[in-house]
C-alpha cells in the first residue's frame, strides 16, 4: 500500500476539494467591482461581468456536484486518484482568471474562446478522474450503470442511408430492423449493429407499421390490415 493510500481518506479528499471549489467561487465574486457612479446606467454597463459570472458559477456548481458523486463511488484513495483529482482542481482553479479575462474584455471573441477551451479541458480532467474510479470498481451493478451512461452519449453512427419514411424499429443481439412506410411499395429491412449492407426482408408492403422480432422471425403490421411474418436474415 502506498503512503497516499494510508494517509488519505475519501472524506479528507472531498473536504479539501470542497474548500478549493468554495475559494474559486469566492474569488470570482470578488472580481465583481461595483461602479463608481450611482447612476443606474453605470450598473447596467457591468452586464458582461455579471453574465460571465453567472455562467461560471453555474458550471462550477455542476463540477462540485459531479465531483461529489464521483468521489463517493471510489473504493479507496490511491496515488492515481489523488493526481486525477488534483488535475480537476487545477483546471477548475483557472476558471476565475478566465472569467475575469472575459469580463474585462467585454465578451471579446478571443477571451471567450479561451474560456470555452478551459471548460473543455475541465471536462477532460473529469473524464480522467471518472476512468480512475471505474478501474477501482469490479462489481457488476456499478459496471452496468457505467455501461448505461456510456450508451446515453457519444457521436451518432449512421447504419443505413437512403431509407424512405423509416417508422418501426426493433433490435436483437445482432441486427437493427425497421420499416419504410410507403403507400404502395413499403419495405422491411435490417442491418448489422456494427454496420454493413442493408438487407431487405420484405418489399411491396402497404405502409408497413411497427416491427417486432423474436429468436427466429420478424413481424410487422400493414395499413391495409395485414399482420406479416418473415424469417430473420
C-alpha atoms as a PDB file:
ATOM      1  CA  UNK A   1       0.000   0.000   0.000  1.00  0.00           C
ATOM      2  CA  UNK A   2       1.413   3.421  -0.942  1.00  0.00           C
ATOM      3  CA  UNK A   3       1.791   6.191   1.621  1.00  0.00           C
ATOM      4  CA  UNK A   4      -1.024   8.121  -0.067  1.00  0.00           C
ATOM      5  CA  UNK A   5      -3.423   5.221   0.456  1.00  0.00           C
ATOM      6  CA  UNK A   6      -2.516   5.049   4.134  1.00  0.00           C
ATOM      7  CA  UNK A   7      -2.642   8.738   4.971  1.00  0.00           C
ATOM      8  CA  UNK A   8      -5.649   9.952   2.976  1.00  0.00           C
ATOM      9  CA  UNK A   9      -9.311   9.132   3.397  1.00  0.00           C
ATOM     10  CA  UNK A  10     -12.135   9.862   0.969  1.00  0.00           C
ATOM     11  CA  UNK A  11     -13.562  12.333   3.472  1.00  0.00           C
ATOM     12  CA  UNK A  12     -10.288  14.249   3.562  1.00  0.00           C
ATOM     13  CA  UNK A  13     -10.044  14.361  -0.231  1.00  0.00           C
ATOM     14  CA  UNK A  14     -13.627  15.527  -0.549  1.00  0.00           C
ATOM     15  CA  UNK A  15     -13.260  18.158   2.181  1.00  0.00           C
ATOM     16  CA  UNK A  16     -10.126  19.582   0.537  1.00  0.00           C
ATOM     17  CA  UNK A  17     -11.826  19.629  -2.857  1.00  0.00           C
ATOM     18  CA  UNK A  18     -14.923  21.332  -1.419  1.00  0.00           C
ATOM     19  CA  UNK A  19     -12.662  24.004   0.040  1.00  0.00           C
ATOM     20  CA  UNK A  20     -10.985  24.628  -3.311  1.00  0.00           C
ATOM     21  CA  UNK A  21     -14.360  24.922  -5.045  1.00  0.00           C
ATOM     22  CA  UNK A  22     -15.533  27.386  -2.383  1.00  0.00           C
ATOM     23  CA  UNK A  23     -12.403  29.514  -2.854  1.00  0.00           C
ATOM     24  CA  UNK A  24     -12.930  29.504  -6.637  1.00  0.00           C
ATOM     25  CA  UNK A  25     -16.439  30.906  -6.260  1.00  0.00           C
ATOM     26  CA  UNK A  26     -15.243  33.455  -3.683  1.00  0.00           C
ATOM     27  CA  UNK A  27     -12.503  34.739  -5.976  1.00  0.00           C
ATOM     28  CA  UNK A  28     -14.975  35.097  -8.836  1.00  0.00           C
ATOM     29  CA  UNK A  29     -17.424  37.173  -6.807  1.00  0.00           C
ATOM     30  CA  UNK A  30     -14.606  39.399  -5.512  1.00  0.00           C
ATOM     31  CA  UNK A  31     -13.816  40.265  -9.128  1.00  0.00           C
ATOM     32  CA  UNK A  32     -17.251  41.875  -9.457  1.00  0.00           C
ATOM     33  CA  UNK A  33     -16.301  45.519  -8.916  1.00  0.00           C
ATOM     34  CA  UNK A  34     -19.120  47.962  -8.085  1.00  0.00           C
ATOM     35  CA  UNK A  35     -19.446  51.038 -10.337  1.00  0.00           C
ATOM     36  CA  UNK A  36     -18.067  54.339  -9.095  1.00  0.00           C
ATOM     37  CA  UNK A  37     -21.214  56.140 -10.184  1.00  0.00           C
ATOM     38  CA  UNK A  38     -24.591  55.865  -8.515  1.00  0.00           C
ATOM     39  CA  UNK A  39     -26.413  56.146 -11.819  1.00  0.00           C
ATOM     40  CA  UNK A  40     -28.421  53.080 -12.954  1.00  0.00           C
ATOM     41  CA  UNK A  41     -26.695  53.181 -16.327  1.00  0.00           C
ATOM     42  CA  UNK A  42     -23.335  52.551 -14.665  1.00  0.00           C
ATOM     43  CA  UNK A  43     -24.655  49.348 -13.097  1.00  0.00           C
ATOM     44  CA  UNK A  44     -26.243  48.228 -16.348  1.00  0.00           C
ATOM     45  CA  UNK A  45     -22.883  48.728 -18.033  1.00  0.00           C
ATOM     46  CA  UNK A  46     -21.460  45.911 -15.913  1.00  0.00           C
ATOM     47  CA  UNK A  47     -23.747  43.312 -17.522  1.00  0.00           C
ATOM     48  CA  UNK A  48     -20.857  41.415 -19.221  1.00  0.00           C
ATOM     49  CA  UNK A  49     -19.235  40.836 -15.843  1.00  0.00           C
ATOM     50  CA  UNK A  50     -22.481  39.615 -14.281  1.00  0.00           C
ATOM     51  CA  UNK A  51     -23.276  37.432 -17.306  1.00  0.00           C
ATOM     52  CA  UNK A  52     -19.962  35.568 -17.322  1.00  0.00           C
ATOM     53  CA  UNK A  53     -20.048  35.309 -13.516  1.00  0.00           C
ATOM     54  CA  UNK A  54     -23.443  33.588 -13.669  1.00  0.00           C
ATOM     55  CA  UNK A  55     -22.144  31.150 -16.298  1.00  0.00           C
ATOM     56  CA  UNK A  56     -19.030  30.392 -14.249  1.00  0.00           C
ATOM     57  CA  UNK A  57     -21.000  29.989 -11.028  1.00  0.00           C
ATOM     58  CA  UNK A  58     -23.377  27.573 -12.737  1.00  0.00           C
ATOM     59  CA  UNK A  59     -20.565  25.492 -14.258  1.00  0.00           C
ATOM     60  CA  UNK A  60     -18.567  25.422 -11.027  1.00  0.00           C
ATOM     61  CA  UNK A  61     -21.659  24.207  -9.171  1.00  0.00           C
ATOM     62  CA  UNK A  62     -22.051  21.404 -11.705  1.00  0.00           C
ATOM     63  CA  UNK A  63     -18.389  20.458 -11.267  1.00  0.00           C
ATOM     64  CA  UNK A  64     -18.806  20.414  -7.493  1.00  0.00           C
ATOM     65  CA  UNK A  65     -21.929  18.213  -7.614  1.00  0.00           C
ATOM     66  CA  UNK A  66     -20.378  15.803 -10.113  1.00  0.00           C
ATOM     67  CA  UNK A  67     -17.160  15.683  -8.126  1.00  0.00           C
ATOM     68  CA  UNK A  68     -19.066  14.679  -5.015  1.00  0.00           C
ATOM     69  CA  UNK A  69     -20.791  11.889  -6.929  1.00  0.00           C
ATOM     70  CA  UNK A  70     -17.505  10.584  -8.333  1.00  0.00           C
ATOM     71  CA  UNK A  71     -15.589  10.561  -5.060  1.00  0.00           C
ATOM     72  CA  UNK A  72     -18.496   8.796  -3.356  1.00  0.00           C
ATOM     73  CA  UNK A  73     -18.116   5.915  -5.831  1.00  0.00           C
ATOM     74  CA  UNK A  74     -14.388   5.481  -5.183  1.00  0.00           C
ATOM     75  CA  UNK A  75     -13.407   2.381  -3.194  1.00  0.00           C
ATOM     76  CA  UNK A  76     -10.174   3.807  -1.812  1.00  0.00           C
ATOM     77  CA  UNK A  77      -7.762   6.701  -2.153  1.00  0.00           C
ATOM     78  CA  UNK A  78      -4.811   5.852  -4.378  1.00  0.00           C
ATOM     79  CA  UNK A  79      -1.969   7.891  -5.806  1.00  0.00           C
ATOM     80  CA  UNK A  80      -3.717   7.795  -9.181  1.00  0.00           C
ATOM     81  CA  UNK A  81      -6.925   9.107  -7.661  1.00  0.00           C
ATOM     82  CA  UNK A  82      -5.095  11.941  -5.910  1.00  0.00           C
ATOM     83  CA  UNK A  83      -3.334  13.022  -9.098  1.00  0.00           C
ATOM     84  CA  UNK A  84      -6.520  12.792 -11.147  1.00  0.00           C
ATOM     85  CA  UNK A  85      -8.376  14.804  -8.507  1.00  0.00           C
ATOM     86  CA  UNK A  86      -5.587  17.384  -8.459  1.00  0.00           C
ATOM     87  CA  UNK A  87      -5.924  17.694 -12.230  1.00  0.00           C
ATOM     88  CA  UNK A  88      -9.609  18.515 -11.849  1.00  0.00           C
ATOM     89  CA  UNK A  89      -8.899  21.103  -9.157  1.00  0.00           C
ATOM     90  CA  UNK A  90      -6.064  22.680 -11.162  1.00  0.00           C
ATOM     91  CA  UNK A  91      -8.284  23.150 -14.195  1.00  0.00           C
ATOM     92  CA  UNK A  92     -11.143  24.469 -12.076  1.00  0.00           C
ATOM     93  CA  UNK A  93      -8.802  26.907 -10.300  1.00  0.00           C
ATOM     94  CA  UNK A  94      -8.211  28.663 -13.643  1.00  0.00           C
ATOM     95  CA  UNK A  95     -11.913  29.499 -14.000  1.00  0.00           C
ATOM     96  CA  UNK A  96     -11.664  32.799 -12.019  1.00  0.00           C
ATOM     97  CA  UNK A  97      -8.854  34.001 -14.298  1.00  0.00           C
ATOM     98  CA  UNK A  98     -10.774  33.083 -17.459  1.00  0.00           C
ATOM     99  CA  UNK A  99     -13.928  34.671 -16.046  1.00  0.00           C
ATOM    100  CA  UNK A 100     -12.140  37.949 -15.261  1.00  0.00           C
ATOM    101  CA  UNK A 101     -10.456  37.914 -18.684  1.00  0.00           C
ATOM    102  CA  UNK A 102     -13.798  37.620 -20.462  1.00  0.00           C
ATOM    103  CA  UNK A 103     -15.445  40.220 -18.210  1.00  0.00           C
ATOM    104  CA  UNK A 104     -12.723  42.842 -18.591  1.00  0.00           C
ATOM    105  CA  UNK A 105     -12.662  42.463 -22.375  1.00  0.00           C
ATOM    106  CA  UNK A 106     -16.486  42.598 -22.503  1.00  0.00           C
ATOM    107  CA  UNK A 107     -17.024  39.193 -24.115  1.00  0.00           C
ATOM    108  CA  UNK A 108     -14.442  39.695 -26.854  1.00  0.00           C
ATOM    109  CA  UNK A 109     -14.087  36.678 -29.201  1.00  0.00           C
ATOM    110  CA  UNK A 110     -10.576  35.536 -28.272  1.00  0.00           C
ATOM    111  CA  UNK A 111     -11.034  35.649 -24.458  1.00  0.00           C
ATOM    112  CA  UNK A 112     -14.390  33.904 -24.874  1.00  0.00           C
ATOM    113  CA  UNK A 113     -12.684  31.183 -26.928  1.00  0.00           C
ATOM    114  CA  UNK A 114     -10.060  30.790 -24.191  1.00  0.00           C
ATOM    115  CA  UNK A 115     -12.874  30.448 -21.641  1.00  0.00           C
ATOM    116  CA  UNK A 116     -14.644  27.801 -23.731  1.00  0.00           C
ATOM    117  CA  UNK A 117     -11.384  25.905 -24.208  1.00  0.00           C
ATOM    118  CA  UNK A 118     -10.809  25.864 -20.453  1.00  0.00           C
ATOM    119  CA  UNK A 119     -14.237  24.332 -19.895  1.00  0.00           C
ATOM    120  CA  UNK A 120     -13.351  21.605 -22.400  1.00  0.00           C
ATOM    121  CA  UNK A 121     -10.121  20.923 -20.516  1.00  0.00           C
ATOM    122  CA  UNK A 122     -12.128  20.684 -17.284  1.00  0.00           C
ATOM    123  CA  UNK A 123     -14.312  18.081 -18.971  1.00  0.00           C
ATOM    124  CA  UNK A 124     -11.258  16.057 -19.983  1.00  0.00           C
ATOM    125  CA  UNK A 125      -9.918  16.219 -16.421  1.00  0.00           C
ATOM    126  CA  UNK A 126     -13.233  14.951 -15.068  1.00  0.00           C
ATOM    127  CA  UNK A 127     -13.144  12.106 -17.572  1.00  0.00           C
ATOM    128  CA  UNK A 128      -9.693  11.093 -16.306  1.00  0.00           C
ATOM    129  CA  UNK A 129     -10.991  11.102 -12.722  1.00  0.00           C
ATOM    130  CA  UNK A 130     -14.025   9.083 -13.796  1.00  0.00           C
ATOM    131  CA  UNK A 131     -11.844   6.483 -15.543  1.00  0.00           C
ATOM    132  CA  UNK A 132      -9.600   6.221 -12.493  1.00  0.00           C
ATOM    133  CA  UNK A 133     -12.563   5.417 -10.259  1.00  0.00           C
ATOM    134  CA  UNK A 134     -14.066   2.962 -12.767  1.00  0.00           C
ATOM    135  CA  UNK A 135     -10.825   0.962 -12.686  1.00  0.00           C
ATOM    136  CA  UNK A 136     -11.269   0.529  -8.925  1.00  0.00           C
ATOM    137  CA  UNK A 137     -14.736  -0.961  -9.273  1.00  0.00           C
ATOM    138  CA  UNK A 138     -15.301  -4.535 -10.423  1.00  0.00           C
ATOM    139  CA  UNK A 139     -18.815  -5.095  -9.076  1.00  0.00           C
ATOM    140  CA  UNK A 140     -21.361  -5.950 -11.743  1.00  0.00           C
ATOM    141  CA  UNK A 141     -24.006  -3.436 -10.685  1.00  0.00           C
ATOM    142  CA  UNK A 142     -21.625  -0.486 -10.941  1.00  0.00           C
ATOM    143  CA  UNK A 143     -20.205  -1.573 -14.289  1.00  0.00           C
ATOM    144  CA  UNK A 144     -23.722  -1.993 -15.641  1.00  0.00           C
ATOM    145  CA  UNK A 145     -24.523   1.590 -14.632  1.00  0.00           C
ATOM    146  CA  UNK A 146     -21.327   2.814 -16.312  1.00  0.00           C
ATOM    147  CA  UNK A 147     -22.289   0.974 -19.499  1.00  0.00           C
ATOM    148  CA  UNK A 148     -25.735   2.598 -19.466  1.00  0.00           C
ATOM    149  CA  UNK A 149     -24.160   6.028 -19.049  1.00  0.00           C
ATOM    150  CA  UNK A 150     -21.835   5.358 -21.987  1.00  0.00           C
ATOM    151  CA  UNK A 151     -24.776   4.377 -24.161  1.00  0.00           C
ATOM    152  CA  UNK A 152     -26.512   7.659 -23.387  1.00  0.00           C
ATOM    153  CA  UNK A 153     -23.919   9.764 -25.158  1.00  0.00           C
ATOM    154  CA  UNK A 154     -21.340   9.748 -27.899  1.00  0.00           C
ATOM    155  CA  UNK A 155     -21.199  10.507 -31.594  1.00  0.00           C
ATOM    156  CA  UNK A 156     -24.114   9.050 -33.617  1.00  0.00           C
ATOM    157  CA  UNK A 157     -23.131   6.384 -36.148  1.00  0.00           C
ATOM    158  CA  UNK A 158     -25.015   6.054 -39.436  1.00  0.00           C
ATOM    159  CA  UNK A 159     -26.087   2.450 -40.020  1.00  0.00           C
ATOM    160  CA  UNK A 160     -28.228   2.961 -43.138  1.00  0.00           C
ATOM    161  CA  UNK A 161     -28.950   5.708 -45.652  1.00  0.00           C
ATOM    162  CA  UNK A 162     -31.476   6.371 -48.434  1.00  0.00           C
ATOM    163  CA  UNK A 163     -34.346   4.900 -46.400  1.00  0.00           C
ATOM    164  CA  UNK A 164     -37.878   6.204 -47.080  1.00  0.00           C
ATOM    165  CA  UNK A 165     -40.158   7.142 -44.187  1.00  0.00           C
ATOM    166  CA  UNK A 166     -38.499   4.983 -41.536  1.00  0.00           C
ATOM    167  CA  UNK A 167     -41.108   4.179 -38.882  1.00  0.00           C
ATOM    168  CA  UNK A 168     -40.946   0.988 -36.811  1.00  0.00           C
ATOM    169  CA  UNK A 169     -37.681  -0.011 -35.116  1.00  0.00           C
ATOM    170  CA  UNK A 170     -36.568  -3.176 -33.302  1.00  0.00           C
ATOM    171  CA  UNK A 171     -33.250  -4.719 -32.288  1.00  0.00           C
ATOM    172  CA  UNK A 172     -31.871  -8.104 -31.309  1.00  0.00           C
ATOM    173  CA  UNK A 173     -28.386  -9.238 -30.378  1.00  0.00           C
ATOM    174  CA  UNK A 174     -27.019  -8.807 -33.898  1.00  0.00           C
ATOM    175  CA  UNK A 175     -29.212  -6.576 -36.044  1.00  0.00           C
ATOM    176  CA  UNK A 176     -31.390  -3.471 -36.214  1.00  0.00           C
ATOM    177  CA  UNK A 177     -34.765  -3.833 -38.005  1.00  0.00           C
ATOM    178  CA  UNK A 178     -37.101  -1.146 -39.333  1.00  0.00           C
ATOM    179  CA  UNK A 179     -39.978  -0.459 -41.710  1.00  0.00           C
ATOM    180  CA  UNK A 180     -40.010   2.013 -44.598  1.00  0.00           C
ATOM    181  CA  UNK A 181     -43.509   3.467 -44.695  1.00  0.00           C
ATOM    182  CA  UNK A 182     -44.523   3.868 -48.355  1.00  0.00           C
ATOM    183  CA  UNK A 183     -48.127   3.561 -49.563  1.00  0.00           C
ATOM    184  CA  UNK A 184     -47.563   1.032 -52.352  1.00  0.00           C
ATOM    185  CA  UNK A 185     -44.004  -0.216 -52.042  1.00  0.00           C
ATOM    186  CA  UNK A 186     -43.126  -0.169 -48.356  1.00  0.00           C
ATOM    187  CA  UNK A 187     -40.446  -2.497 -47.078  1.00  0.00           C
ATOM    188  CA  UNK A 188     -38.945  -4.129 -44.001  1.00  0.00           C
ATOM    189  CA  UNK A 189     -35.162  -4.060 -43.741  1.00  0.00           C
ATOM    190  CA  UNK A 190     -32.303  -4.826 -41.393  1.00  0.00           C
ATOM    191  CA  UNK A 191     -28.629  -4.076 -40.910  1.00  0.00           C
ATOM    192  CA  UNK A 192     -25.969  -5.398 -38.535  1.00  0.00           C
ATOM    193  CA  UNK A 193     -25.353  -3.298 -35.413  1.00  0.00           C
ATOM    194  CA  UNK A 194     -21.727  -2.915 -36.436  1.00  0.00           C
ATOM    195  CA  UNK A 195     -22.827  -1.543 -39.792  1.00  0.00           C
ATOM    196  CA  UNK A 196     -22.973  -3.404 -43.103  1.00  0.00           C
ATOM    197  CA  UNK A 197     -25.057  -3.768 -46.260  1.00  0.00           C
ATOM    198  CA  UNK A 198     -28.785  -3.242 -45.684  1.00  0.00           C
ATOM    199  CA  UNK A 199     -30.841  -6.430 -46.147  1.00  0.00           C
ATOM    200  CA  UNK A 200     -34.400  -6.126 -47.473  1.00  0.00           C
ATOM    201  CA  UNK A 201     -36.566  -8.668 -45.648  1.00  0.00           C
ATOM    202  CA  UNK A 202     -39.800  -7.852 -47.489  1.00  0.00           C
ATOM    203  CA  UNK A 203     -40.902  -5.378 -50.150  1.00  0.00           C
ATOM    204  CA  UNK A 204     -44.204  -4.437 -51.776  1.00  0.00           C
ATOM    205  CA  UNK A 205     -45.814  -3.785 -48.399  1.00  0.00           C
ATOM    206  CA  UNK A 206     -48.629  -1.239 -47.982  1.00  0.00           C
ATOM    207  CA  UNK A 207     -47.438   1.260 -45.379  1.00  0.00           C
ATOM    208  CA  UNK A 208     -45.753  -1.221 -43.001  1.00  0.00           C
ATOM    209  CA  UNK A 209     -46.033  -0.093 -39.392  1.00  0.00           C
ATOM    210  CA  UNK A 210     -44.284  -1.192 -36.209  1.00  0.00           C
ATOM    211  CA  UNK A 211     -41.919  -4.148 -36.320  1.00  0.00           C
ATOM    212  CA  UNK A 212     -41.065  -6.706 -33.608  1.00  0.00           C
ATOM    213  CA  UNK A 213     -38.667  -9.651 -33.560  1.00  0.00           C
ATOM    214  CA  UNK A 214     -38.173 -12.907 -31.697  1.00  0.00           C
ATOM    215  CA  UNK A 215     -35.442 -15.541 -31.958  1.00  0.00           C
ATOM    216  CA  UNK A 216     -36.358 -16.690 -35.452  1.00  0.00           C
ATOM    217  CA  UNK A 217     -38.775 -14.275 -37.133  1.00  0.00           C
ATOM    218  CA  UNK A 218     -39.655 -10.667 -37.909  1.00  0.00           C
ATOM    219  CA  UNK A 219     -43.277  -9.454 -37.535  1.00  0.00           C
ATOM    220  CA  UNK A 220     -44.986  -6.277 -38.701  1.00  0.00           C
ATOM    221  CA  UNK A 221     -48.402  -4.850 -39.474  1.00  0.00           C
ATOM    222  CA  UNK A 222     -49.592  -3.017 -42.571  1.00  0.00           C
ATOM    223  CA  UNK A 223     -52.031  -0.172 -43.092  1.00  0.00           C
ATOM    224  CA  UNK A 224     -54.370  -2.374 -45.148  1.00  0.00           C
ATOM    225  CA  UNK A 225     -54.994  -4.676 -42.193  1.00  0.00           C
ATOM    226  CA  UNK A 226     -52.451  -7.488 -42.545  1.00  0.00           C
ATOM    227  CA  UNK A 227     -50.051  -8.915 -39.954  1.00  0.00           C
ATOM    228  CA  UNK A 228     -46.969 -10.267 -41.671  1.00  0.00           C
ATOM    229  CA  UNK A 229     -44.138 -12.592 -40.715  1.00  0.00           C
ATOM    230  CA  UNK A 230     -40.787 -13.407 -42.301  1.00  0.00           C
ATOM    231  CA  UNK A 231     -37.721 -15.343 -41.282  1.00  0.00           C
ATOM    232  CA  UNK A 232     -34.782 -13.406 -39.936  1.00  0.00           C
ATOM    233  CA  UNK A 233     -31.997 -12.872 -42.461  1.00  0.00           C
END
